[in-house]
């Protein structure tokens, strides 16, 4: 985010606590998923990679500069 510091200060403070703490119920949910839904997670990387590749070329055709995204499930597209 960008903006005036007086508006960003509370956002930064909230973000700090949202990113670095994980609710215990979420920890249990992840443990359950890894234990009981392993096949879903094994296929997830390949599925997300295919979706990323599907989006990359149309963005380039629209004039976006798309940064390399290997190893990530998202793209970074520069609109300038």
Protein backbone atom coordinates (compact mmCIF):
# COMPACT_ATOMS: atom_id res chain seq x y z
CA UNK A 1 0.00 0.00 0.00
CA UNK A 2 0.98 3.56 -0.47
CA UNK A 3 -0.48 6.64 1.07
CA UNK A 4 -0.03 9.33 3.69
CA UNK A 5 1.84 8.11 6.75
CA UNK A 6 -0.95 9.14 9.13
CA UNK A 7 -3.32 6.77 7.30
CA UNK A 8 -0.84 3.96 6.86
CA UNK A 9 0.38 3.83 10.47
CA UNK A 10 -2.68 1.95 11.81
CA UNK A 11 -2.72 -0.36 8.79
CA UNK A 12 0.94 -1.23 9.32
CA UNK A 13 0.33 -1.91 12.99
CA UNK A 14 -2.63 -4.21 12.26
CA UNK A 15 -0.73 -5.98 9.48
CA UNK A 16 2.16 -6.72 11.82
CA UNK A 17 -0.09 -8.73 14.12
CA UNK A 18 -2.07 -10.44 11.38
CA UNK A 19 0.97 -11.76 9.55
CA UNK A 20 3.07 -12.98 12.45
CA UNK A 21 0.41 -14.74 14.49
CA UNK A 22 -1.58 -17.76 13.49
CA UNK A 23 -4.77 -18.60 15.36
CA UNK A 24 -4.60 -22.00 17.03
CA UNK A 25 -7.75 -23.21 15.24
CA UNK A 26 -6.04 -22.46 11.91
CA UNK A 27 -2.98 -24.42 13.02
CA UNK A 28 -5.23 -27.41 13.78
CA UNK A 29 -6.97 -27.05 10.41
CA UNK A 30 -3.65 -27.04 8.56
CA UNK A 31 -2.46 -30.08 10.52
CA UNK A 32 -5.68 -31.89 9.62
CA UNK A 33 -5.30 -30.97 5.96
CA UNK A 34 -1.71 -32.13 5.77
CA UNK A 35 -2.55 -35.39 7.52
CA UNK A 36 -5.84 -36.23 5.81
CA UNK A 37 -5.83 -34.32 2.53
CA UNK A 38 -2.25 -34.85 1.37
CA UNK A 39 -3.25 -35.55 -2.24
CA UNK A 40 -4.90 -32.13 -2.51
CA UNK A 41 -1.67 -30.42 -1.42
CA UNK A 42 0.50 -32.58 -3.68
CA UNK A 43 -1.51 -31.43 -6.71
CA UNK A 44 -1.93 -27.83 -5.62
CA UNK A 45 1.44 -26.55 -6.86
CA UNK A 46 0.94 -27.95 -10.34
CA UNK A 47 -2.62 -26.64 -10.56
CA UNK A 48 -1.63 -23.14 -9.46
CA UNK A 49 1.34 -23.14 -11.82
CA UNK A 50 -0.95 -23.95 -14.75
CA UNK A 51 -3.35 -21.17 -13.78
CA UNK A 52 -0.46 -18.71 -13.46
CA UNK A 53 0.79 -19.67 -16.92
CA UNK A 54 -2.73 -19.26 -18.32
CA UNK A 55 -2.87 -15.67 -17.09
CA UNK A 56 0.65 -14.60 -18.01
CA UNK A 57 0.36 -14.39 -21.81
CA UNK A 58 -2.94 -12.44 -21.87
CA UNK A 59 -1.42 -9.92 -19.46
CA UNK A 60 1.60 -9.53 -21.73
CA UNK A 61 -0.70 -9.08 -24.73
CA UNK A 62 -2.48 -6.28 -22.86
CA UNK A 63 0.87 -4.51 -22.47
CA UNK A 64 1.82 -5.52 -18.93
CA UNK A 65 5.42 -6.31 -18.11
CA UNK A 66 5.10 -9.61 -16.23
CA UNK A 67 7.95 -10.47 -13.91
CA UNK A 68 9.18 -14.08 -13.73
CA UNK A 69 7.00 -16.07 -11.35
CA UNK A 70 8.65 -19.46 -11.07
CA UNK A 71 8.32 -20.78 -7.55
CA UNK A 72 5.30 -18.64 -6.75
CA UNK A 73 1.59 -19.07 -7.30
CA UNK A 74 1.05 -15.43 -8.24
CA UNK A 75 2.18 -13.02 -10.92
CA UNK A 76 3.57 -9.52 -10.58
CA UNK A 77 2.49 -7.33 -13.48
CA UNK A 78 3.84 -3.84 -13.97
CA UNK A 79 1.30 -1.57 -15.63
CA UNK A 80 3.75 1.16 -16.61
